[in-house]
């Protein structure tokens, strides 16, 4: 390093340029994300349909009813997907 140059981030922290995941895993990640999204899609559609029904006025605009609906969908998601279900 030249005295006139400012120290770079790589000089101070050599791990700053480290890769997040090995190349083999980075190639597989988009595919795994696609599978995960497709597994959760039916539950997202249920939530979206419920929200639209509330906005239109077909269902009551109630926080308690929304809570109960979300608990039911969450339970169904956990029963159906098991360890692949989303968690809080």
Protein backbone atom coordinates (compact mmCIF):
# COMPACT_ATOMS: atom_id res chain seq x y z
CA UNK A 1 0.00 0.00 0.00
CA UNK A 2 1.31 3.43 -0.96
CA UNK A 3 1.53 6.09 1.76
CA UNK A 4 -0.54 8.47 -0.33
CA UNK A 5 -3.44 6.05 -0.66
CA UNK A 6 -6.07 5.76 2.00
CA UNK A 7 -6.38 2.31 3.55
CA UNK A 8 -9.11 0.31 1.91
CA UNK A 9 -11.79 -1.70 3.63
CA UNK A 10 -10.06 -4.90 2.52
CA UNK A 11 -6.84 -3.90 4.27
CA UNK A 12 -8.59 -3.32 7.58
CA UNK A 13 -11.00 -6.25 7.33
CA UNK A 14 -9.78 -9.08 5.12
CA UNK A 15 -13.09 -10.95 5.57
CA UNK A 16 -15.07 -8.03 4.07
CA UNK A 17 -14.72 -9.49 0.59
CA UNK A 18 -15.56 -13.04 1.69
CA UNK A 19 -18.31 -14.86 -0.19
CA UNK A 20 -21.64 -15.39 1.54
CA UNK A 21 -22.06 -18.97 0.37
CA UNK A 22 -19.96 -21.41 -1.62
CA UNK A 23 -20.53 -21.20 -5.39
CA UNK A 24 -22.42 -24.52 -5.50
CA UNK A 25 -24.98 -23.29 -2.95
CA UNK A 26 -25.39 -19.92 -4.66
CA UNK A 27 -26.40 -21.74 -7.86
CA UNK A 28 -29.06 -23.76 -6.01
CA UNK A 29 -30.51 -20.89 -3.92
CA UNK A 30 -32.83 -19.43 -6.62
CA UNK A 31 -34.34 -22.88 -7.21
CA UNK A 32 -34.93 -23.42 -3.51
CA UNK A 33 -36.54 -19.99 -3.22
CA UNK A 34 -38.86 -20.85 -6.12
CA UNK A 35 -39.92 -24.10 -4.44
CA UNK A 36 -40.47 -22.33 -1.14
CA UNK A 37 -42.56 -19.60 -2.77
CA UNK A 38 -44.66 -22.12 -4.66
CA UNK A 39 -45.36 -24.07 -1.46
CA UNK A 40 -46.60 -20.93 0.30
CA UNK A 41 -48.58 -19.58 -2.66
CA UNK A 42 -51.97 -21.19 -1.81
CA UNK A 43 -51.88 -19.73 1.70
CA UNK A 44 -50.94 -16.29 0.40
CA UNK A 45 -53.86 -16.48 -2.04
CA UNK A 46 -56.21 -17.36 0.84
CA UNK A 47 -55.00 -14.36 2.81
CA UNK A 48 -55.33 -12.08 -0.20
CA UNK A 49 -58.86 -13.29 -0.96
CA UNK A 50 -59.88 -12.74 2.65
CA UNK A 51 -58.50 -9.21 2.61
CA UNK A 52 -60.30 -8.41 -0.64
CA UNK A 53 -63.58 -9.79 0.73
CA UNK A 54 -63.23 -7.53 3.78
CA UNK A 55 -62.47 -4.49 1.58
CA UNK A 56 -65.49 -5.14 -0.63
CA UNK A 57 -67.74 -5.64 2.39
CA UNK A 58 -68.55 -9.33 2.02
CA UNK A 59 -66.95 -10.07 5.39
CA UNK A 60 -67.05 -8.03 8.57
CA UNK A 61 -64.16 -5.63 9.11
CA UNK A 62 -63.31 -7.05 12.50
CA UNK A 63 -59.89 -7.43 14.08
CA UNK A 64 -61.09 -10.46 16.01
CA UNK A 65 -62.43 -12.16 12.87
CA UNK A 66 -59.19 -11.40 11.04
CA UNK A 67 -57.22 -12.82 13.94
CA UNK A 68 -59.27 -16.01 13.92
CA UNK A 69 -58.91 -16.35 10.15
CA UNK A 70 -55.14 -15.84 10.33
CA UNK A 71 -54.83 -18.42 13.11
CA UNK A 72 -56.80 -20.93 11.05
CA UNK A 73 -54.71 -20.34 7.92
CA UNK A 74 -51.50 -20.51 9.96
CA UNK A 75 -52.56 -23.81 11.54
CA UNK A 76 -53.49 -25.21 8.14
CA UNK A 77 -50.14 -24.08 6.74
CA UNK A 78 -48.25 -25.76 9.58
CA UNK A 79 -50.25 -28.98 9.28
CA UNK A 80 -49.80 -29.09 5.52
CA UNK A 81 -46.17 -28.01 5.15
CA UNK A 82 -44.74 -29.21 8.45
CA UNK A 83 -41.14 -28.01 8.81
CA UNK A 84 -41.39 -25.98 5.59
CA UNK A 85 -44.09 -23.71 7.01
CA UNK A 86 -43.20 -20.12 7.71
CA UNK A 87 -42.64 -19.10 11.29
CA UNK A 88 -42.70 -15.81 13.10
